[in-house]
C-alpha atoms as a PDB file:
ATOM      1  CA  UNK A   1       0.364   0.313   0.012  1.00  0.00           C
ATOM      2  CA  UNK A   2       1.042   3.567  -0.808  1.00  0.00           C
ATOM      3  CA  UNK A   3       0.764   5.997   0.906  1.00  0.00           C
ATOM      4  CA  UNK A   4       0.636  10.108   0.251  1.00  0.00           C
ATOM      5  CA  UNK A   5       1.813  12.729   2.535  1.00  0.00           C
ATOM      6  CA  UNK A   6      -0.768  15.608   1.213  1.00  0.00           C
ATOM      7  CA  UNK A   7      -0.548  18.976   2.776  1.00  0.00           C
ATOM      8  CA  UNK A   8       2.636  18.471   5.106  1.00  0.00           C
ATOM      9  CA  UNK A   9       3.628  22.095   6.157  1.00  0.00           C
ATOM     10  CA  UNK A  10       4.907  21.293   9.526  1.00  0.00           C
ATOM     11  CA  UNK A  11       7.591  18.457  10.430  1.00  0.00           C
ATOM     12  CA  UNK A  12       7.450  16.728  14.506  1.00  0.00           C
ATOM     13  CA  UNK A  13      10.265  15.432  15.094  1.00  0.00           C
ATOM     14  CA  UNK A  14      11.205  12.959  17.807  1.00  0.00           C
ATOM     15  CA  UNK A  15      14.499  13.409  19.302  1.00  0.00           C
ATOM     16  CA  UNK A  16      16.264  10.504  21.467  1.00  0.00           C
ATOM     17  CA  UNK A  17      16.126   7.367  19.161  1.00  0.00           C
ATOM     18  CA  UNK A  18      15.161   9.415  15.879  1.00  0.00           C
ATOM     19  CA  UNK A  19      17.755  12.088  15.797  1.00  0.00           C
ATOM     20  CA  UNK A  20      20.023  11.032  18.443  1.00  0.00           C
ATOM     21  CA  UNK A  21      20.578   7.590  19.862  1.00  0.00           C
ATOM     22  CA  UNK A  22      19.308   6.394  23.507  1.00  0.00           C
ATOM     23  CA  UNK A  23      21.747   7.148  26.153  1.00  0.00           C
ATOM     24  CA  UNK A  24      20.079   4.162  28.368  1.00  0.00           C
ATOM     25  CA  UNK A  25      22.359   1.215  27.420  1.00  0.00           C
ATOM     26  CA  UNK A  26      25.885   2.771  27.820  1.00  0.00           C
ATOM     27  CA  UNK A  27      24.959   5.830  30.369  1.00  0.00           C
ATOM     28  CA  UNK A  28      24.817   3.259  33.504  1.00  0.00           C
ATOM     29  CA  UNK A  29      27.939   1.669  33.158  1.00  0.00           C
ATOM     30  CA  UNK A  30      29.758   5.343  32.570  1.00  0.00           C
ATOM     31  CA  UNK A  31      28.052   6.740  34.956  1.00  0.00           C
ATOM     32  CA  UNK A  32      28.739   3.921  37.846  1.00  0.00           C
ATOM     33  CA  UNK A  33      32.619   4.446  37.095  1.00  0.00           C
ATOM     34  CA  UNK A  34      32.144   8.069  37.247  1.00  0.00           C
ATOM     35  CA  UNK A  35      30.498   8.129  40.745  1.00  0.00           C
ATOM     36  CA  UNK A  36      32.798   5.689  42.290  1.00  0.00           C
ATOM     37  CA  UNK A  37      35.518   8.178  41.766  1.00  0.00           C
ATOM     38  CA  UNK A  38      33.854  10.402  43.836  1.00  0.00           C
ATOM     39  CA  UNK A  39      33.308   7.431  46.546  1.00  0.00           C
ATOM     40  CA  UNK A  40      30.036   6.048  45.594  1.00  0.00           C
ATOM     41  CA  UNK A  41      29.570   2.208  45.334  1.00  0.00           C
ATOM     42  CA  UNK A  42      26.574   1.645  42.987  1.00  0.00           C
ATOM     43  CA  UNK A  43      25.885  -1.238  40.824  1.00  0.00           C
ATOM     44  CA  UNK A  44      25.168   0.054  37.321  1.00  0.00           C
ATOM     45  CA  UNK A  45      21.568  -1.562  37.225  1.00  0.00           C
ATOM     46  CA  UNK A  46      20.822  -0.474  40.919  1.00  0.00           C
ATOM     47  CA  UNK A  47      21.846   2.978  39.736  1.00  0.00           C
ATOM     48  CA  UNK A  48      20.073   2.785  36.469  1.00  0.00           C
ATOM     49  CA  UNK A  49      16.729   1.609  38.547  1.00  0.00           C
ATOM     50  CA  UNK A  50      16.979   4.849  41.092  1.00  0.00           C
ATOM     51  CA  UNK A  51      17.972   7.918  38.206  1.00  0.00           C
ATOM     52  CA  UNK A  52      15.203   5.679  35.579  1.00  0.00           C
ATOM     53  CA  UNK A  53      12.423   7.075  38.277  1.00  0.00           C
ATOM     54  CA  UNK A  54      13.798  10.464  39.154  1.00  0.00           C
ATOM     55  CA  UNK A  55      14.747  11.173  35.145  1.00  0.00           C
ATOM     56  CA  UNK A  56      11.195  10.153  34.265  1.00  0.00           C
ATOM     57  CA  UNK A  57       9.754  12.123  37.306  1.00  0.00           C
ATOM     58  CA  UNK A  58      12.093  15.513  35.891  1.00  0.00           C
ATOM     59  CA  UNK A  59      10.592  14.755  32.311  1.00  0.00           C
ATOM     60  CA  UNK A  60       6.920  15.443  33.606  1.00  0.00           C
ATOM     61  CA  UNK A  61       7.854  18.664  34.974  1.00  0.00           C
ATOM     62  CA  UNK A  62       8.336  17.344  38.797  1.00  0.00           C
ATOM     63  CA  UNK A  63      11.428  19.971  39.028  1.00  0.00           C
ATOM     64  CA  UNK A  64      12.451  23.132  38.159  1.00  0.00           C
ATOM     65  CA  UNK A  65      16.179  22.348  37.472  1.00  0.00           C
ATOM     66  CA  UNK A  66      19.330  20.113  37.361  1.00  0.00           C
ATOM     67  CA  UNK A  67      19.991  21.280  41.361  1.00  0.00           C
ATOM     68  CA  UNK A  68      16.541  20.616  42.566  1.00  0.00           C
ATOM     69  CA  UNK A  69      16.709  16.686  40.565  1.00  0.00           C
ATOM     70  CA  UNK A  70      19.755  16.223  41.568  1.00  0.00           C
ATOM     71  CA  UNK A  71      18.615  17.347  45.428  1.00  0.00           C
ATOM     72  CA  UNK A  72      16.219  14.161  45.537  1.00  0.00           C
ATOM     73  CA  UNK A  73      18.669  11.495  43.444  1.00  0.00           C
ATOM     74  CA  UNK A  74      21.138  12.767  46.283  1.00  0.00           C
ATOM     75  CA  UNK A  75      18.533  11.234  49.206  1.00  0.00           C
ATOM     76  CA  UNK A  76      18.080   8.071  46.836  1.00  0.00           C
ATOM     77  CA  UNK A  77      21.462   7.677  47.360  1.00  0.00           C
ATOM     78  CA  UNK A  78      21.841   8.263  51.224  1.00  0.00           C
ATOM     79  CA  UNK A  79      24.290  10.907  50.336  1.00  0.00           C
ATOM     80  CA  UNK A  80      23.844  14.799  51.416  1.00  0.00           C
ATOM     81  CA  UNK A  81      22.705  16.887  48.511  1.00  0.00           C
ATOM     82  CA  UNK A  82      25.209  19.327  46.915  1.00  0.00           C
ATOM     83  CA  UNK A  83      27.628  16.107  46.940  1.00  0.00           C
ATOM     84  CA  UNK A  84      30.758  16.110  44.233  1.00  0.00           C
ATOM     85  CA  UNK A  85      30.064  14.832  41.006  1.00  0.00           C
ATOM     86  CA  UNK A  86      26.000  14.109  41.013  1.00  0.00           C
ATOM     87  CA  UNK A  87      25.574  17.046  38.788  1.00  0.00           C
ATOM     88  CA  UNK A  88      27.832  16.059  36.398  1.00  0.00           C
ATOM     89  CA  UNK A  89      26.074  13.229  35.517  1.00  0.00           C
ATOM     90  CA  UNK A  90      23.894  14.865  33.106  1.00  0.00           C
ATOM     91  CA  UNK A  91      26.961  15.881  30.643  1.00  0.00           C
ATOM     92  CA  UNK A  92      27.554  11.933  30.903  1.00  0.00           C
ATOM     93  CA  UNK A  93      24.129  11.550  29.787  1.00  0.00           C
ATOM     94  CA  UNK A  94      24.386  13.635  27.122  1.00  0.00           C
ATOM     95  CA  UNK A  95      27.497  12.529  26.364  1.00  0.00           C
ATOM     96  CA  UNK A  96      26.061   9.311  25.677  1.00  0.00           C
ATOM     97  CA  UNK A  97      22.898  10.309  23.472  1.00  0.00           C
ATOM     98  CA  UNK A  98      25.624  11.282  19.981  1.00  0.00           C
ATOM     99  CA  UNK A  99      23.621  12.270  16.905  1.00  0.00           C
ATOM    100  CA  UNK A 100      23.197   9.635  14.254  1.00  0.00           C
ATOM    101  CA  UNK A 101      24.715  10.354  11.113  1.00  0.00           C
ATOM    102  CA  UNK A 102      21.992  11.065   8.815  1.00  0.00           C
ATOM    103  CA  UNK A 103      20.081  13.634  11.426  1.00  0.00           C
ATOM    104  CA  UNK A 104      22.220  16.602   9.926  1.00  0.00           C
ATOM    105  CA  UNK A 105      21.810  16.167   6.386  1.00  0.00           C
ATOM    106  CA  UNK A 106      17.927  15.366   7.130  1.00  0.00           C
ATOM    107  CA  UNK A 107      17.584  18.780   9.309  1.00  0.00           C
ATOM    108  CA  UNK A 108      19.420  20.623   7.169  1.00  0.00           C
ATOM    109  CA  UNK A 109      17.082  20.210   3.889  1.00  0.00           C
ATOM    110  CA  UNK A 110      13.884  19.509   5.464  1.00  0.00           C
ATOM    111  CA  UNK A 111      13.967  22.848   7.038  1.00  0.00           C
ATOM    112  CA  UNK A 112      13.958  24.243   3.847  1.00  0.00           C
ATOM    113  CA  UNK A 113      10.890  23.520   2.534  1.00  0.00           C
ATOM    114  CA  UNK A 114       8.577  22.758   5.834  1.00  0.00           C
ATOM    115  CA  UNK A 115       9.027  24.210   9.002  1.00  0.00           C
ATOM    116  CA  UNK A 116      10.564  22.111  12.106  1.00  0.00           C
ATOM    117  CA  UNK A 117       9.056  21.216  15.544  1.00  0.00           C
ATOM    118  CA  UNK A 118      11.243  19.472  17.949  1.00  0.00           C
ATOM    119  CA  UNK A 119       8.875  16.926  19.707  1.00  0.00           C
ATOM    120  CA  UNK A 120      10.199  14.766  22.494  1.00  0.00           C
ATOM    121  CA  UNK A 121       9.501  12.958  26.055  1.00  0.00           C
ATOM    122  CA  UNK A 122      12.503  14.566  27.390  1.00  0.00           C
ATOM    123  CA  UNK A 123      13.730  17.575  30.090  1.00  0.00           C
ATOM    124  CA  UNK A 124      13.630  20.771  27.863  1.00  0.00           C
ATOM    125  CA  UNK A 125      17.058  21.894  29.135  1.00  0.00           C
ATOM    126  CA  UNK A 126      18.938  18.740  28.383  1.00  0.00           C
ATOM    127  CA  UNK A 127      16.856  19.123  24.786  1.00  0.00           C
ATOM    128  CA  UNK A 128      18.286  22.287  24.582  1.00  0.00           C
ATOM    129  CA  UNK A 129      22.083  21.533  25.222  1.00  0.00           C
ATOM    130  CA  UNK A 130      21.631  18.765  22.652  1.00  0.00           C
ATOM    131  CA  UNK A 131      20.539  20.637  20.193  1.00  0.00           C
ATOM    132  CA  UNK A 132      23.668  23.497  21.086  1.00  0.00           C
ATOM    133  CA  UNK A 133      25.842  20.693  21.214  1.00  0.00           C
ATOM    134  CA  UNK A 134      25.103  19.383  17.933  1.00  0.00           C
ATOM    135  CA  UNK A 135      24.440  23.023  15.988  1.00  0.00           C
ATOM    136  CA  UNK A 136      20.730  21.936  15.518  1.00  0.00           C
ATOM    137  CA  UNK A 137      18.869  25.053  16.977  1.00  0.00           C
ATOM    138  CA  UNK A 138      18.873  26.961  13.668  1.00  0.00           C
ATOM    139  CA  UNK A 139      16.227  24.157  12.249  1.00  0.00           C
ATOM    140  CA  UNK A 140      14.056  24.284  14.427  1.00  0.00           C
ATOM    141  CA  UNK A 141      11.034  26.944  14.595  1.00  0.00           C
ATOM    142  CA  UNK A 142       9.672  25.536  18.180  1.00  0.00           C
ATOM    143  CA  UNK A 143      10.029  23.148  20.946  1.00  0.00           C
ATOM    144  CA  UNK A 144       7.641  21.065  22.339  1.00  0.00           C
ATOM    145  CA  UNK A 145       8.942  19.122  25.573  1.00  0.00           C
ATOM    146  CA  UNK A 146       7.228  16.998  27.891  1.00  0.00           C
ATOM    147  CA  UNK A 147       9.028  18.910  30.854  1.00  0.00           C
ATOM    148  CA  UNK A 148       7.678  22.088  29.906  1.00  0.00           C
ATOM    149  CA  UNK A 149       4.083  21.416  28.842  1.00  0.00           C
ATOM    150  CA  UNK A 150       3.653  18.255  31.874  1.00  0.00           C
ATOM    151  CA  UNK A 151       2.407  15.918  29.201  1.00  0.00           C
ATOM    152  CA  UNK A 152       4.407  12.752  27.791  1.00  0.00           C
ATOM    153  CA  UNK A 153       3.929  11.370  24.263  1.00  0.00           C
ATOM    154  CA  UNK A 154       1.917   9.382  23.441  1.00  0.00           C
ATOM    155  CA  UNK A 155      -0.968  11.947  25.498  1.00  0.00           C
ATOM    156  CA  UNK A 156      -3.534  14.199  22.743  1.00  0.00           C
ATOM    157  CA  UNK A 157      -2.774  16.882  25.552  1.00  0.00           C
ATOM    158  CA  UNK A 158       0.750  16.750  24.418  1.00  0.00           C
ATOM    159  CA  UNK A 159       0.093  16.427  20.777  1.00  0.00           C
ATOM    160  CA  UNK A 160      -2.264  19.562  21.530  1.00  0.00           C
ATOM    161  CA  UNK A 161       0.094  21.714  22.850  1.00  0.00           C
ATOM    162  CA  UNK A 162       2.689  20.947  19.821  1.00  0.00           C
ATOM    163  CA  UNK A 163      -0.462  22.094  17.207  1.00  0.00           C
ATOM    164  CA  UNK A 164      -0.471  25.250  19.293  1.00  0.00           C
ATOM    165  CA  UNK A 165       2.632  26.578  18.685  1.00  0.00           C
ATOM    166  CA  UNK A 166       2.674  24.967  14.994  1.00  0.00           C
ATOM    167  CA  UNK A 167       1.236  27.710  13.366  1.00  0.00           C
ATOM    168  CA  UNK A 168      -0.726  25.611  11.117  1.00  0.00           C
ATOM    169  CA  UNK A 169      -4.615  25.493  11.529  1.00  0.00           C
ATOM    170  CA  UNK A 170      -5.247  21.202  10.856  1.00  0.00           C
ATOM    171  CA  UNK A 171      -3.460  18.512  12.594  1.00  0.00           C
ATOM    172  CA  UNK A 172      -3.172  16.860   9.421  1.00  0.00           C
ATOM    173  CA  UNK A 173      -0.939  19.385   8.250  1.00  0.00           C
ATOM    174  CA  UNK A 174       1.595  17.819  10.563  1.00  0.00           C
ATOM    175  CA  UNK A 175       3.851  15.153  10.647  1.00  0.00           C
ATOM    176  CA  UNK A 176       4.666  13.269  13.417  1.00  0.00           C
ATOM    177  CA  UNK A 177       8.464  11.371  12.997  1.00  0.00           C
ATOM    178  CA  UNK A 178       9.644   9.281  15.263  1.00  0.00           C
ATOM    179  CA  UNK A 179      10.941   5.962  16.308  1.00  0.00           C
ATOM    180  CA  UNK A 180       8.192   4.727  19.009  1.00  0.00           C
ATOM    181  CA  UNK A 181       5.250   3.054  17.929  1.00  0.00           C
ATOM    182  CA  UNK A 182       3.040   3.904  20.759  1.00  0.00           C
ATOM    183  CA  UNK A 183       4.638   7.108  21.167  1.00  0.00           C
ATOM    184  CA  UNK A 184       5.322   8.923  17.601  1.00  0.00           C
ATOM    185  CA  UNK A 185       2.793   7.021  16.060  1.00  0.00           C
ATOM    186  CA  UNK A 186      -0.283   5.672  17.799  1.00  0.00           C
ATOM    187  CA  UNK A 187      -0.052   9.142  19.744  1.00  0.00           C
ATOM    188  CA  UNK A 188      -0.075  11.162  16.499  1.00  0.00           C
ATOM    189  CA  UNK A 189      -2.536   9.290  14.634  1.00  0.00           C
ATOM    190  CA  UNK A 190      -4.802   9.568  17.931  1.00  0.00           C
ATOM    191  CA  UNK A 191      -4.646  13.473  17.834  1.00  0.00           C
ATOM    192  CA  UNK A 192      -5.233  13.790  13.837  1.00  0.00           C
ATOM    193  CA  UNK A 193      -1.866  13.894  12.491  1.00  0.00           C
ATOM    194  CA  UNK A 194      -0.103  12.237  10.330  1.00  0.00           C
ATOM    195  CA  UNK A 195       2.768   9.785  11.236  1.00  0.00           C
ATOM    196  CA  UNK A 196       5.759   8.051  10.044  1.00  0.00           C
ATOM    197  CA  UNK A 197       7.873   5.811  11.752  1.00  0.00           C
ATOM    198  CA  UNK A 198      11.379   5.660  11.685  1.00  0.00           C
ATOM    199  CA  UNK A 199      12.278   1.670  11.985  1.00  0.00           C
ATOM    200  CA  UNK A 200      15.969   1.800  12.322  1.00  0.00           C
ATOM    201  CA  UNK A 201      16.412  -2.148  12.753  1.00  0.00           C
ATOM    202  CA  UNK A 202      14.721  -4.062  10.143  1.00  0.00           C
ATOM    203  CA  UNK A 203      14.642  -7.071  12.326  1.00  0.00           C
ATOM    204  CA  UNK A 204      12.273  -5.470  14.871  1.00  0.00           C
ATOM    205  CA  UNK A 205       8.497  -5.292  13.813  1.00  0.00           C
ATOM    206  CA  UNK A 206       6.204  -3.382  15.671  1.00  0.00           C
ATOM    207  CA  UNK A 207       2.787  -4.524  16.420  1.00  0.00           C
ATOM    208  CA  UNK A 208      -0.823  -3.405  17.159  1.00  0.00           C
ATOM    209  CA  UNK A 209      -0.321  -1.055  14.695  1.00  0.00           C
ATOM    210  CA  UNK A 210      -3.593   1.901  15.014  1.00  0.00           C
ATOM    211  CA  UNK A 211      -3.610   1.998  11.659  1.00  0.00           C
ATOM    212  CA  UNK A 212      -1.512   1.824   8.166  1.00  0.00           C
ATOM    213  CA  UNK A 213       0.875   3.928   8.515  1.00  0.00           C
ATOM    214  CA  UNK A 214       4.291   4.361   6.361  1.00  0.00           C
ATOM    215  CA  UNK A 215       7.226   3.198   7.887  1.00  0.00           C
ATOM    216  CA  UNK A 216      11.361   4.112   6.563  1.00  0.00           C
ATOM    217  CA  UNK A 217      14.731   2.451   7.913  1.00  0.00           C
ATOM    218  CA  UNK A 218      16.508   6.107   7.994  1.00  0.00           C
ATOM    219  CA  UNK A 219      15.820   9.708   8.037  1.00  0.00           C
ATOM    220  CA  UNK A 220      17.230  10.131   4.347  1.00  0.00           C
ATOM    221  CA  UNK A 221      14.093   7.971   3.542  1.00  0.00           C
ATOM    222  CA  UNK A 222      11.860  10.491   5.311  1.00  0.00           C
ATOM    223  CA  UNK A 223      13.730  13.188   2.930  1.00  0.00           C
ATOM    224  CA  UNK A 224      12.624  11.094  -0.491  1.00  0.00           C
ATOM    225  CA  UNK A 225       9.361  10.265   0.547  1.00  0.00           C
ATOM    226  CA  UNK A 226       8.743  14.090   1.545  1.00  0.00           C
ATOM    227  CA  UNK A 227      10.210  14.988  -2.093  1.00  0.00           C
ATOM    228  CA  UNK A 228       7.952  11.924  -3.785  1.00  0.00           C
ATOM    229  CA  UNK A 229      11.257  10.740  -5.267  1.00  0.00           C
ATOM    230  CA  UNK A 230      10.784   7.997  -3.258  1.00  0.00           C
ATOM    231  CA  UNK A 231       6.567   6.319  -2.791  1.00  0.00           C
ATOM    232  CA  UNK A 232       6.197   5.262   0.453  1.00  0.00           C
ATOM    233  CA  UNK A 233       5.015   2.217   0.218  1.00  0.00           C
ATOM    234  CA  UNK A 234       5.732   0.180   3.749  1.00  0.00           C
ATOM    235  CA  UNK A 235       3.183   0.048   5.796  1.00  0.00           C
ATOM    236  CA  UNK A 236       2.878  -1.018   9.831  1.00  0.00           C
ATOM    237  CA  UNK A 237       2.233  -4.801   9.781  1.00  0.00           C
ATOM    238  CA  UNK A 238      -0.773  -5.893  12.623  1.00  0.00           C
END
């Protein structure tokens, strides 16, 4: 089945897993090594459990700053707030999310024909640091992140916030691009947006797709679909 990307004016681009790699795999080990140098004895698995819980809260807007976030994490670690080495974990987290090779050429070309909005379940300050670190700020007209709107994808309320800043009248004029079937495809289509799944690993097959949607393996394929040079002929399997 071929899909037509009709009337798309705005691209809502996911950050982690789409433009940059996920930190989850390498971060716990790097963080534990860093903490060990500062007197903490914590296995990567134990650290991952503690950090993930507080990070999810942070991405929902529970904390107003890194300082507040790490004050709570310090309590989890049974140490006093302000202990050396904790806030440096943010730098390590961001370093563990390097850009995909196709991210830069995609953003550079796509921004010439469409308005781009960053659409992410993430911490706002960290998202902007990733954009700055990769020199991507110039490509985005707006940033919608869960920590600032207090809703995480796939909530319809997240996509309503996205629509508010998009500058278009109809959600159908927005194409959500992301790597997560539930967050980026299911959530977007429920809210009336068009969606495209970036499935970088072709061996993983998404299930329970709410409807047939375009699926590509790279951001460069997204460009080809947007320009019409390549038909969007891959659909989600049910």
